[in-house]
Amino acid sequence: QVQLVESGGGLVEAGGSLRLSCTSSGYISSFDIMAWYRQGPGKQREWVASIGRNSITNYAGSVKGRFTISRDYNANTLYLQMNNLNPADTAVYYCQGRRATITSWGQGTQVTVSS
């Protein structure tokens, strides 16, 4: 089972930026799709962004234009660049990788945006 480990979370002021990383114990090129999800306090986990094997990216409406998902095959790492953060972005951010019927999750990294 591939392990995914997120990092890069922290406390940032509104309007600031953070870059999250998700490093895989296996080749990320083996995933059909990789994605970022988040779960805010008292909320259900929601999809944020995804990138397919064909490099097509998709974003939730709430983050489009502010967040960018990317990957580095050499580093086996998925990234989420988050700009112009606001308090509504406060959540635990999770990395996900899917290959056929197998889904792998990371343990999450906390992002807190102060107003």
C-alpha atoms as a PDB file:
ATOM      1  CA  GLN A   1       0.000   0.000   0.000  1.00  0.00           C
ATOM      2  CA  VAL A   2       1.389   3.361  -1.053  1.00  0.00           C
ATOM      3  CA  GLN A   3       1.811   5.878   1.750  1.00  0.00           C
ATOM      4  CA  LEU A   4       1.079   9.564   1.245  1.00  0.00           C
ATOM      5  CA  VAL A   5       2.460  12.187   3.623  1.00  0.00           C
ATOM      6  CA  GLU A   6       1.317  15.801   3.575  1.00  0.00           C
ATOM      7  CA  SER A   7       3.318  18.763   4.823  1.00  0.00           C
ATOM      8  CA  GLY A   8       3.416  22.532   4.560  1.00  0.00           C
ATOM      9  CA  GLY A   9       0.390  23.465   6.626  1.00  0.00           C
ATOM     10  CA  GLY A  10       0.465  26.169   9.252  1.00  0.00           C
ATOM     11  CA  LEU A  11      -0.953  29.457  10.456  1.00  0.00           C
ATOM     12  CA  VAL A  12      -1.183  32.314   7.968  1.00  0.00           C
ATOM     13  CA  GLU A  13      -2.927  35.679   7.882  1.00  0.00           C
ATOM     14  CA  ALA A  14      -5.760  36.371   5.479  1.00  0.00           C
ATOM     15  CA  GLY A  15      -4.365  37.260   2.063  1.00  0.00           C
ATOM     16  CA  GLY A  16      -1.296  35.128   2.595  1.00  0.00           C
ATOM     17  CA  SER A  17      -0.025  32.043   0.780  1.00  0.00           C
ATOM     18  CA  LEU A  18       0.994  28.501   1.615  1.00  0.00           C
ATOM     19  CA  ARG A  19       2.253  25.594  -0.447  1.00  0.00           C
ATOM     20  CA  LEU A  20       1.238  22.117   0.602  1.00  0.00           C
ATOM     21  CA  SER A  21       3.234  19.054  -0.396  1.00  0.00           C
ATOM     22  CA  CYS A  22       2.209  15.408  -0.550  1.00  0.00           C
ATOM     23  CA  THR A  23       5.068  12.964  -0.889  1.00  0.00           C
ATOM     24  CA  SER A  24       4.400   9.408  -1.975  1.00  0.00           C
ATOM     25  CA  SER A  25       6.290   6.283  -0.950  1.00  0.00           C
ATOM     26  CA  GLY A  26       5.668   4.983  -4.461  1.00  0.00           C
ATOM     27  CA  TYR A  27       5.682   6.436  -7.939  1.00  0.00           C
ATOM     28  CA  ILE A  28       2.954   9.051  -8.299  1.00  0.00           C
ATOM     29  CA  SER A  29       2.931   8.252 -12.003  1.00  0.00           C
ATOM     30  CA  SER A  30       1.134   5.048 -11.033  1.00  0.00           C
ATOM     31  CA  PHE A  31      -1.942   6.992  -9.933  1.00  0.00           C
ATOM     32  CA  ASP A  32      -4.751   7.591 -12.411  1.00  0.00           C
ATOM     33  CA  ILE A  33      -5.690  10.747 -10.562  1.00  0.00           C
ATOM     34  CA  MET A  34      -4.433  12.684  -7.562  1.00  0.00           C
ATOM     35  CA  ALA A  35      -6.422  15.190  -5.577  1.00  0.00           C
ATOM     36  CA  TRP A  36      -6.575  17.472  -2.582  1.00  0.00           C
ATOM     37  CA  TYR A  37      -9.519  17.421  -0.191  1.00  0.00           C
ATOM     38  CA  ARG A  38     -10.176  19.445   2.928  1.00  0.00           C
ATOM     39  CA  GLN A  39     -12.307  19.209   6.021  1.00  0.00           C
ATOM     40  CA  GLY A  40     -13.142  22.370   7.904  1.00  0.00           C
ATOM     41  CA  PRO A  41     -14.258  22.429  11.542  1.00  0.00           C
ATOM     42  CA  GLY A  42     -17.711  20.909  11.837  1.00  0.00           C
ATOM     43  CA  LYS A  43     -17.893  20.255   8.092  1.00  0.00           C
ATOM     44  CA  GLN A  44     -17.760  17.256   5.822  1.00  0.00           C
ATOM     45  CA  ARG A  45     -14.656  16.532   3.795  1.00  0.00           C
ATOM     46  CA  GLU A  46     -14.840  18.285   0.428  1.00  0.00           C
ATOM     47  CA  TRP A  47     -12.929  18.003  -2.815  1.00  0.00           C
ATOM     48  CA  VAL A  48     -10.625  20.936  -3.585  1.00  0.00           C
ATOM     49  CA  ALA A  49      -8.659  20.123  -6.724  1.00  0.00           C
ATOM     50  CA  SER A  50      -7.487  17.222  -8.847  1.00  0.00           C
ATOM     51  CA  ILE A  51      -5.024  16.395 -11.584  1.00  0.00           C
ATOM     52  CA  GLY A  52      -5.335  13.472 -13.946  1.00  0.00           C
ATOM     53  CA  ARG A  53      -2.807  11.283 -15.678  1.00  0.00           C
ATOM     54  CA  ASN A  54      -3.373  13.477 -18.754  1.00  0.00           C
ATOM     55  CA  SER A  55      -2.418  16.543 -16.647  1.00  0.00           C
ATOM     56  CA  ILE A  56      -5.900  18.024 -16.851  1.00  0.00           C
ATOM     57  CA  THR A  57      -6.659  19.945 -13.668  1.00  0.00           C
ATOM     58  CA  ASN A  58      -9.981  20.741 -12.044  1.00  0.00           C
ATOM     59  CA  TYR A  59     -10.867  22.993  -9.134  1.00  0.00           C
ATOM     60  CA  ALA A  60     -13.751  23.580  -6.784  1.00  0.00           C
ATOM     61  CA  GLY A  61     -15.436  26.876  -7.453  1.00  0.00           C
ATOM     62  CA  SER A  62     -14.449  28.248  -4.063  1.00  0.00           C
ATOM     63  CA  VAL A  63     -10.716  27.958  -4.811  1.00  0.00           C
ATOM     64  CA  LYS A  64     -10.555  28.444  -8.581  1.00  0.00           C
ATOM     65  CA  GLY A  65      -8.171  31.228  -9.481  1.00  0.00           C
ATOM     66  CA  ARG A  66      -6.482  31.109  -6.059  1.00  0.00           C
ATOM     67  CA  PHE A  67      -5.191  27.515  -5.753  1.00  0.00           C
ATOM     68  CA  THR A  68      -2.971  25.607  -8.167  1.00  0.00           C
ATOM     69  CA  ILE A  69      -2.438  21.841  -8.132  1.00  0.00           C
ATOM     70  CA  SER A  70       0.742  20.447  -9.645  1.00  0.00           C
ATOM     71  CA  ARG A  71       3.052  17.460  -9.389  1.00  0.00           C
ATOM     72  CA  ASP A  72       6.721  16.577  -9.750  1.00  0.00           C
ATOM     73  CA  TYR A  73       7.296  13.025 -10.962  1.00  0.00           C
ATOM     74  CA  ASN A  74      10.996  13.146 -10.106  1.00  0.00           C
ATOM     75  CA  ALA A  75      10.206  14.053  -6.500  1.00  0.00           C
ATOM     76  CA  ASN A  76       7.123  11.820  -6.331  1.00  0.00           C
ATOM     77  CA  THR A  77       5.313  14.792  -4.871  1.00  0.00           C
ATOM     78  CA  LEU A  78       1.954  16.482  -5.369  1.00  0.00           C
ATOM     79  CA  TYR A  79       1.623  20.184  -4.538  1.00  0.00           C
ATOM     80  CA  LEU A  80      -1.126  22.647  -3.777  1.00  0.00           C
ATOM     81  CA  GLN A  81      -0.160  26.304  -4.060  1.00  0.00           C
ATOM     82  CA  MET A  82      -2.696  28.369  -2.150  1.00  0.00           C
ATOM     83  CA  ASN A  83      -2.805  32.129  -2.632  1.00  0.00           C
ATOM     84  CA  ASN A  84      -5.038  34.866  -1.269  1.00  0.00           C
ATOM     85  CA  LEU A  85      -6.130  32.666   1.593  1.00  0.00           C
ATOM     86  CA  ASN A  86      -9.155  33.578   3.674  1.00  0.00           C
ATOM     87  CA  PRO A  87     -10.540  32.238   6.965  1.00  0.00           C
ATOM     88  CA  ALA A  88     -13.005  30.018   5.065  1.00  0.00           C
ATOM     89  CA  ASP A  89      -9.985  28.044   3.822  1.00  0.00           C
ATOM     90  CA  THR A  90      -9.202  26.915   7.375  1.00  0.00           C
ATOM     91  CA  ALA A  91      -9.272  23.120   7.344  1.00  0.00           C
ATOM     92  CA  VAL A  92      -7.272  19.938   7.487  1.00  0.00           C
ATOM     93  CA  TYR A  93      -6.031  19.302   3.960  1.00  0.00           C
ATOM     94  CA  TYR A  94      -5.726  15.730   2.713  1.00  0.00           C
ATOM     95  CA  CYS A  95      -3.925  14.279  -0.262  1.00  0.00           C
ATOM     96  CA  GLN A  96      -5.554  11.446  -2.215  1.00  0.00           C
ATOM     97  CA  GLY A  97      -4.297   9.124  -4.904  1.00  0.00           C
ATOM     98  CA  ARG A  98      -6.523   6.785  -6.922  1.00  0.00           C
ATOM     99  CA  ARG A  99      -5.485   3.858  -9.085  1.00  0.00           C
ATOM    100  CA  ALA A 100      -8.283   1.691 -10.465  1.00  0.00           C
ATOM    101  CA  THR A 101     -10.326   0.694  -7.384  1.00  0.00           C
ATOM    102  CA  ILE A 102      -7.595   1.536  -4.866  1.00  0.00           C
ATOM    103  CA  THR A 103      -7.684   4.855  -3.020  1.00  0.00           C
ATOM    104  CA  SER A 104      -4.873   6.080  -0.801  1.00  0.00           C
ATOM    105  CA  TRP A 105      -5.109   8.965   1.680  1.00  0.00           C
ATOM    106  CA  GLY A 106      -2.574  10.930   3.630  1.00  0.00           C
ATOM    107  CA  GLN A 107      -2.965  11.800   7.288  1.00  0.00           C
ATOM    108  CA  GLY A 108      -3.695  15.471   6.647  1.00  0.00           C
ATOM    109  CA  THR A 109      -2.052  18.790   7.391  1.00  0.00           C
ATOM    110  CA  GLN A 110      -3.713  21.659   9.247  1.00  0.00           C
ATOM    111  CA  VAL A 111      -4.126  25.042   7.573  1.00  0.00           C
ATOM    112  CA  THR A 112      -5.382  27.895   9.719  1.00  0.00           C
ATOM    113  CA  VAL A 113      -6.095  31.325   8.255  1.00  0.00           C
ATOM    114  CA  SER A 114      -6.514  34.199  10.681  1.00  0.00           C
ATOM    115  CA  SER A 115      -8.572  37.265   9.873  1.00  0.00           C
END
